[in-house]
C-alpha cells in the first residue's frame, strides 16, 4: 500500500487533504507536519513513498527539504508540491530543486487525487507556463526533436492528449517524458547542489 506524508502550513487543511487522498486512492497517511522538525520526526518512524508539500511554507524550508531529500535519500519519496497557480515562481524553483511534480489548483482541470495517481504511475504534468520556462532553460540542441515539440505544443496550450496523439505516443508516454525533462532540469543543477 502506498504511504503518504504531508508538509502543510495549516495542520487542519493538511489533515483534510490527507483524508481526501486516503479515501479516494486507498493511500495510508503516516502523518501531517507543519514544519521541517515535525517532518523529520515523521521520517524517523517511516519514510513515505509520497510527500505532498505546501509551497506556501517559507521558500528556504522547501528548498532545504528538497535538497536534503535528493542529496541524502536518492530514490526517496516522490514529491508533489501544491501551489495556487502554475505561474507562481516557487513552482519552477521546486521543480529545479527536486520536486517530481506539482499541482496548481487554479490551473488544473483534474483533482489532486488524479495528480497523485499520475505521479505514482511515473508521470508528471505540465502547464503552458512551465513549458515556456523549460523551453527557455534548455538549449534546443540539447533536446531531441520529440521533447522540443512536446515543450513547444504544451507551451502553446495544447492538452497532453493532443500532444501525445501528435507525437504518436500514449498519454502515459508523454507524462513520463515530462518527468524526464524535470529530472534533466535537476541534473543541470546537481553540480551546484553538491557544492552547497
C-alpha atoms as a PDB file:
ATOM      1  CA  UNK A   1       0.000   0.000   0.000  1.00  0.00           C
ATOM      2  CA  UNK A   2       1.223   3.495  -0.863  1.00  0.00           C
ATOM      3  CA  UNK A   3       2.194   5.687   2.083  1.00  0.00           C
ATOM      4  CA  UNK A   4       1.902   9.451   2.177  1.00  0.00           C
ATOM      5  CA  UNK A   5       3.072  12.299   4.401  1.00  0.00           C
ATOM      6  CA  UNK A   6       2.051  15.924   4.072  1.00  0.00           C
ATOM      7  CA  UNK A   7       4.004  19.055   4.914  1.00  0.00           C
ATOM      8  CA  UNK A   8       1.473  21.865   5.139  1.00  0.00           C
ATOM      9  CA  UNK A   9       1.484  25.223   6.914  1.00  0.00           C
ATOM     10  CA  UNK A  10      -2.086  24.604   8.113  1.00  0.00           C
ATOM     11  CA  UNK A  11      -2.302  21.298  10.010  1.00  0.00           C
ATOM     12  CA  UNK A  12      -6.095  21.079   9.650  1.00  0.00           C
ATOM     13  CA  UNK A  13      -6.010  21.650   5.886  1.00  0.00           C
ATOM     14  CA  UNK A  14      -3.203  19.091   5.661  1.00  0.00           C
ATOM     15  CA  UNK A  15      -5.281  16.557   7.599  1.00  0.00           C
ATOM     16  CA  UNK A  16      -8.277  17.118   5.328  1.00  0.00           C
ATOM     17  CA  UNK A  17      -6.131  16.723   2.206  1.00  0.00           C
ATOM     18  CA  UNK A  18      -4.710  13.505   3.629  1.00  0.00           C
ATOM     19  CA  UNK A  19      -8.198  12.162   4.415  1.00  0.00           C
ATOM     20  CA  UNK A  20      -9.395  13.041   0.914  1.00  0.00           C
ATOM     21  CA  UNK A  21      -6.444  11.263  -0.718  1.00  0.00           C
ATOM     22  CA  UNK A  22      -6.778   8.262   1.596  1.00  0.00           C
ATOM     23  CA  UNK A  23     -10.478   7.897   0.778  1.00  0.00           C
ATOM     24  CA  UNK A  24     -10.038   8.414  -2.976  1.00  0.00           C
ATOM     25  CA  UNK A  25      -6.923   6.310  -3.522  1.00  0.00           C
ATOM     26  CA  UNK A  26      -6.647   3.925  -0.581  1.00  0.00           C
ATOM     27  CA  UNK A  27      -3.375   5.590   0.453  1.00  0.00           C
ATOM     28  CA  UNK A  28      -2.116   5.289   4.027  1.00  0.00           C
ATOM     29  CA  UNK A  29      -1.329   8.692   5.517  1.00  0.00           C
ATOM     30  CA  UNK A  30       1.520   8.382   8.010  1.00  0.00           C
ATOM     31  CA  UNK A  31       1.210  11.966   9.212  1.00  0.00           C
ATOM     32  CA  UNK A  32       0.940  15.689   8.644  1.00  0.00           C
ATOM     33  CA  UNK A  33       3.708  18.085   9.667  1.00  0.00           C
ATOM     34  CA  UNK A  34       3.635  21.869   9.776  1.00  0.00           C
ATOM     35  CA  UNK A  35       7.388  22.339   9.524  1.00  0.00           C
ATOM     36  CA  UNK A  36      10.679  20.574   8.886  1.00  0.00           C
ATOM     37  CA  UNK A  37      11.217  19.453  12.510  1.00  0.00           C
ATOM     38  CA  UNK A  38       7.841  17.709  12.535  1.00  0.00           C
ATOM     39  CA  UNK A  39       8.526  16.118   9.150  1.00  0.00           C
ATOM     40  CA  UNK A  40      11.926  14.856  10.297  1.00  0.00           C
ATOM     41  CA  UNK A  41      10.197  13.299  13.297  1.00  0.00           C
ATOM     42  CA  UNK A  42       7.708  11.556  10.992  1.00  0.00           C
ATOM     43  CA  UNK A  43      10.595  10.289   8.863  1.00  0.00           C
ATOM     44  CA  UNK A  44      12.263   8.637  11.872  1.00  0.00           C
ATOM     45  CA  UNK A  45       9.241   6.340  12.127  1.00  0.00           C
ATOM     46  CA  UNK A  46       8.814   5.654   8.404  1.00  0.00           C
ATOM     47  CA  UNK A  47       9.780   7.281   5.112  1.00  0.00           C
ATOM     48  CA  UNK A  48       6.669   7.571   2.937  1.00  0.00           C
ATOM     49  CA  UNK A  49       6.551   6.763  -0.750  1.00  0.00           C
ATOM     50  CA  UNK A  50       4.960  10.120  -1.466  1.00  0.00           C
ATOM     51  CA  UNK A  51       5.362  13.542   0.129  1.00  0.00           C
ATOM     52  CA  UNK A  52       2.937  16.396  -0.588  1.00  0.00           C
ATOM     53  CA  UNK A  53       4.450  19.815   0.196  1.00  0.00           C
ATOM     54  CA  UNK A  54       2.637  23.139   0.508  1.00  0.00           C
ATOM     55  CA  UNK A  55       4.544  25.866  -1.370  1.00  0.00           C
ATOM     56  CA  UNK A  56       3.109  28.489   0.977  1.00  0.00           C
ATOM     57  CA  UNK A  57       5.729  27.379   3.519  1.00  0.00           C
ATOM     58  CA  UNK A  58       8.828  29.597   3.705  1.00  0.00           C
ATOM     59  CA  UNK A  59      10.768  29.098   0.437  1.00  0.00           C
ATOM     60  CA  UNK A  60      14.000  28.380   2.330  1.00  0.00           C
ATOM     61  CA  UNK A  61      12.304  25.452   4.110  1.00  0.00           C
ATOM     62  CA  UNK A  62      11.037  23.925   0.864  1.00  0.00           C
ATOM     63  CA  UNK A  63      14.449  24.351  -0.797  1.00  0.00           C
ATOM     64  CA  UNK A  64      16.276  22.820   2.176  1.00  0.00           C
ATOM     65  CA  UNK A  65      13.859  19.889   2.278  1.00  0.00           C
ATOM     66  CA  UNK A  66      14.178  19.121  -1.440  1.00  0.00           C
ATOM     67  CA  UNK A  67      17.970  19.437  -1.367  1.00  0.00           C
ATOM     68  CA  UNK A  68      18.207  17.161   1.680  1.00  0.00           C
ATOM     69  CA  UNK A  69      15.930  14.553   0.123  1.00  0.00           C
ATOM     70  CA  UNK A  70      17.820  14.491  -3.155  1.00  0.00           C
ATOM     71  CA  UNK A  71      21.250  14.530  -1.515  1.00  0.00           C
ATOM     72  CA  UNK A  72      20.661  12.068   1.334  1.00  0.00           C
ATOM     73  CA  UNK A  73      17.754   9.951   0.126  1.00  0.00           C
ATOM     74  CA  UNK A  74      18.097   9.409  -3.630  1.00  0.00           C
ATOM     75  CA  UNK A  75      15.191   7.308  -4.722  1.00  0.00           C
ATOM     76  CA  UNK A  76      13.370   8.545  -1.608  1.00  0.00           C
ATOM     77  CA  UNK A  77       9.789   9.740  -1.617  1.00  0.00           C
ATOM     78  CA  UNK A  78       8.180  11.208  -4.684  1.00  0.00           C
ATOM     79  CA  UNK A  79       7.497  14.884  -4.020  1.00  0.00           C
ATOM     80  CA  UNK A  80       4.381  16.688  -5.229  1.00  0.00           C
ATOM     81  CA  UNK A  81       4.269  20.407  -4.461  1.00  0.00           C
ATOM     82  CA  UNK A  82       0.996  22.292  -4.018  1.00  0.00           C
ATOM     83  CA  UNK A  83       0.587  25.783  -5.443  1.00  0.00           C
ATOM     84  CA  UNK A  84      -2.302  28.115  -6.046  1.00  0.00           C
ATOM     85  CA  UNK A  85      -1.243  28.679  -9.688  1.00  0.00           C
ATOM     86  CA  UNK A  86       1.457  27.402 -12.031  1.00  0.00           C
ATOM     87  CA  UNK A  87       2.716  30.923 -12.677  1.00  0.00           C
ATOM     88  CA  UNK A  88       3.879  31.093  -9.050  1.00  0.00           C
ATOM     89  CA  UNK A  89       7.698  31.285  -9.399  1.00  0.00           C
ATOM     90  CA  UNK A  90       8.022  28.855  -6.462  1.00  0.00           C
ATOM     91  CA  UNK A  91       6.702  26.040  -8.698  1.00  0.00           C
ATOM     92  CA  UNK A  92       9.648  26.271 -11.086  1.00  0.00           C
ATOM     93  CA  UNK A  93      12.035  26.659  -8.144  1.00  0.00           C
ATOM     94  CA  UNK A  94      10.657  23.491  -6.562  1.00  0.00           C
ATOM     95  CA  UNK A  95      10.979  21.576  -9.846  1.00  0.00           C
ATOM     96  CA  UNK A  96      14.599  22.757 -10.140  1.00  0.00           C
ATOM     97  CA  UNK A  97      15.276  21.743  -6.555  1.00  0.00           C
ATOM     98  CA  UNK A  98      13.962  18.198  -6.936  1.00  0.00           C
ATOM     99  CA  UNK A  99      10.154  18.051  -6.905  1.00  0.00           C
ATOM    100  CA  UNK A 100       8.737  15.336  -9.143  1.00  0.00           C
ATOM    101  CA  UNK A 101       5.583  17.223  -9.993  1.00  0.00           C
ATOM    102  CA  UNK A 102       3.193  19.923  -8.926  1.00  0.00           C
ATOM    103  CA  UNK A 103      -0.488  20.547  -8.503  1.00  0.00           C
ATOM    104  CA  UNK A 104      -1.610  24.090  -9.278  1.00  0.00           C
ATOM    105  CA  UNK A 105      -5.154  24.323  -8.025  1.00  0.00           C
ATOM    106  CA  UNK A 106      -6.219  27.326 -10.112  1.00  0.00           C
ATOM    107  CA  UNK A 107      -4.818  25.876 -13.352  1.00  0.00           C
ATOM    108  CA  UNK A 108      -5.741  22.232 -13.006  1.00  0.00           C
ATOM    109  CA  UNK A 109      -8.611  20.528 -14.809  1.00  0.00           C
ATOM    110  CA  UNK A 110      -8.009  17.429 -12.641  1.00  0.00           C
ATOM    111  CA  UNK A 111      -8.345  16.729  -8.940  1.00  0.00           C
ATOM    112  CA  UNK A 112      -5.459  16.454  -6.503  1.00  0.00           C
ATOM    113  CA  UNK A 113      -6.155  12.704  -6.315  1.00  0.00           C
ATOM    114  CA  UNK A 114      -5.718  12.451 -10.108  1.00  0.00           C
ATOM    115  CA  UNK A 115      -2.438  14.380  -9.884  1.00  0.00           C
ATOM    116  CA  UNK A 116      -1.201  11.978  -7.190  1.00  0.00           C
ATOM    117  CA  UNK A 117      -2.239   8.939  -9.267  1.00  0.00           C
ATOM    118  CA  UNK A 118      -0.366  10.374 -12.239  1.00  0.00           C
ATOM    119  CA  UNK A 119       2.781  10.848 -10.153  1.00  0.00           C
ATOM    120  CA  UNK A 120       2.558   7.289  -8.810  1.00  0.00           C
ATOM    121  CA  UNK A 121       2.344   5.985 -12.408  1.00  0.00           C
ATOM    122  CA  UNK A 122       5.690   7.645 -13.164  1.00  0.00           C
ATOM    123  CA  UNK A 123       4.211  10.626 -14.988  1.00  0.00           C
ATOM    124  CA  UNK A 124       4.205  14.369 -14.411  1.00  0.00           C
ATOM    125  CA  UNK A 125       2.008  17.111 -15.775  1.00  0.00           C
ATOM    126  CA  UNK A 126       2.978  20.453 -17.260  1.00  0.00           C
ATOM    127  CA  UNK A 127       1.106  23.686 -17.819  1.00  0.00           C
ATOM    128  CA  UNK A 128       1.931  26.090 -20.656  1.00  0.00           C
ATOM    129  CA  UNK A 129       3.645  28.446 -18.174  1.00  0.00           C
ATOM    130  CA  UNK A 130       6.059  25.735 -17.007  1.00  0.00           C
ATOM    131  CA  UNK A 131       6.628  24.522 -20.584  1.00  0.00           C
ATOM    132  CA  UNK A 132       7.686  28.042 -21.605  1.00  0.00           C
ATOM    133  CA  UNK A 133      10.128  28.235 -18.701  1.00  0.00           C
ATOM    134  CA  UNK A 134      11.606  24.837 -19.556  1.00  0.00           C
ATOM    135  CA  UNK A 135      11.960  25.836 -23.213  1.00  0.00           C
ATOM    136  CA  UNK A 136      13.946  28.893 -22.162  1.00  0.00           C
ATOM    137  CA  UNK A 137      16.119  26.792 -19.828  1.00  0.00           C
ATOM    138  CA  UNK A 138      17.104  24.120 -22.341  1.00  0.00           C
ATOM    139  CA  UNK A 139      19.195  24.898 -25.386  1.00  0.00           C
ATOM    140  CA  UNK A 140      17.200  23.461 -28.302  1.00  0.00           C
ATOM    141  CA  UNK A 141      20.270  21.490 -29.423  1.00  0.00           C
ATOM    142  CA  UNK A 142      20.246  19.581 -26.110  1.00  0.00           C
ATOM    143  CA  UNK A 143      16.750  18.195 -26.600  1.00  0.00           C
ATOM    144  CA  UNK A 144      15.656  15.573 -29.066  1.00  0.00           C
ATOM    145  CA  UNK A 145      13.048  16.592 -31.641  1.00  0.00           C
ATOM    146  CA  UNK A 146      10.255  14.845 -29.711  1.00  0.00           C
ATOM    147  CA  UNK A 147      10.995  16.738 -26.490  1.00  0.00           C
ATOM    148  CA  UNK A 148      11.294  20.037 -28.358  1.00  0.00           C
ATOM    149  CA  UNK A 149       7.868  19.504 -29.937  1.00  0.00           C
ATOM    150  CA  UNK A 150       6.362  18.349 -26.623  1.00  0.00           C
ATOM    151  CA  UNK A 151       7.519  21.578 -24.946  1.00  0.00           C
ATOM    152  CA  UNK A 152       6.511  23.766 -27.895  1.00  0.00           C
ATOM    153  CA  UNK A 153       2.990  22.385 -28.198  1.00  0.00           C
ATOM    154  CA  UNK A 154       2.438  22.364 -24.445  1.00  0.00           C
ATOM    155  CA  UNK A 155       3.669  25.978 -24.266  1.00  0.00           C
ATOM    156  CA  UNK A 156       1.131  26.843 -26.972  1.00  0.00           C
ATOM    157  CA  UNK A 157      -1.660  25.446 -24.815  1.00  0.00           C
ATOM    158  CA  UNK A 158      -2.335  22.050 -26.365  1.00  0.00           C
ATOM    159  CA  UNK A 159      -3.638  19.418 -23.931  1.00  0.00           C
ATOM    160  CA  UNK A 160      -1.475  16.415 -23.096  1.00  0.00           C
ATOM    161  CA  UNK A 161      -3.764  14.058 -25.048  1.00  0.00           C
ATOM    162  CA  UNK A 162      -3.465  16.242 -28.149  1.00  0.00           C
ATOM    163  CA  UNK A 163       0.309  16.467 -27.781  1.00  0.00           C
ATOM    164  CA  UNK A 164       0.596  12.698 -27.284  1.00  0.00           C
ATOM    165  CA  UNK A 165      -1.507  11.986 -30.409  1.00  0.00           C
ATOM    166  CA  UNK A 166       0.571  14.412 -32.490  1.00  0.00           C
ATOM    167  CA  UNK A 167       3.757  12.737 -31.227  1.00  0.00           C
ATOM    168  CA  UNK A 168       2.238   9.286 -31.874  1.00  0.00           C
ATOM    169  CA  UNK A 169       2.675   8.127 -28.295  1.00  0.00           C
ATOM    170  CA  UNK A 170       0.429   7.296 -25.371  1.00  0.00           C
ATOM    171  CA  UNK A 171      -0.605   9.897 -22.821  1.00  0.00           C
ATOM    172  CA  UNK A 172       1.380   7.839 -20.298  1.00  0.00           C
ATOM    173  CA  UNK A 173       4.477   8.057 -22.535  1.00  0.00           C
ATOM    174  CA  UNK A 174       4.112  11.837 -22.788  1.00  0.00           C
ATOM    175  CA  UNK A 175       3.731  12.132 -18.996  1.00  0.00           C
ATOM    176  CA  UNK A 176       6.880  10.059 -18.478  1.00  0.00           C
ATOM    177  CA  UNK A 177       8.798  12.295 -20.902  1.00  0.00           C
ATOM    178  CA  UNK A 178       7.684  15.330 -18.904  1.00  0.00           C
ATOM    179  CA  UNK A 179       9.002  13.709 -15.703  1.00  0.00           C
ATOM    180  CA  UNK A 180      12.281  13.036 -17.546  1.00  0.00           C
ATOM    181  CA  UNK A 181      12.502  16.705 -18.544  1.00  0.00           C
ATOM    182  CA  UNK A 182      12.130  17.716 -14.888  1.00  0.00           C
ATOM    183  CA  UNK A 183      14.925  15.299 -13.974  1.00  0.00           C
ATOM    184  CA  UNK A 184      17.147  16.752 -16.709  1.00  0.00           C
ATOM    185  CA  UNK A 185      16.473  20.210 -15.264  1.00  0.00           C
ATOM    186  CA  UNK A 186      17.504  18.946 -11.813  1.00  0.00           C
ATOM    187  CA  UNK A 187      20.624  17.249 -13.212  1.00  0.00           C
ATOM    188  CA  UNK A 188      21.718  20.595 -14.630  1.00  0.00           C
ATOM    189  CA  UNK A 189      21.739  21.952 -11.093  1.00  0.00           C
ATOM    190  CA  UNK A 190      23.307  18.941  -9.381  1.00  0.00           C
ATOM    191  CA  UNK A 191      26.927  20.242  -9.529  1.00  0.00           C
ATOM    192  CA  UNK A 192      25.788  23.471  -7.838  1.00  0.00           C
ATOM    193  CA  UNK A 193      23.882  21.424  -5.250  1.00  0.00           C
ATOM    194  CA  UNK A 194      26.881  19.324  -4.293  1.00  0.00           C
ATOM    195  CA  UNK A 195      28.961  22.484  -3.804  1.00  0.00           C
ATOM    196  CA  UNK A 196      26.484  23.802  -1.204  1.00  0.00           C
END
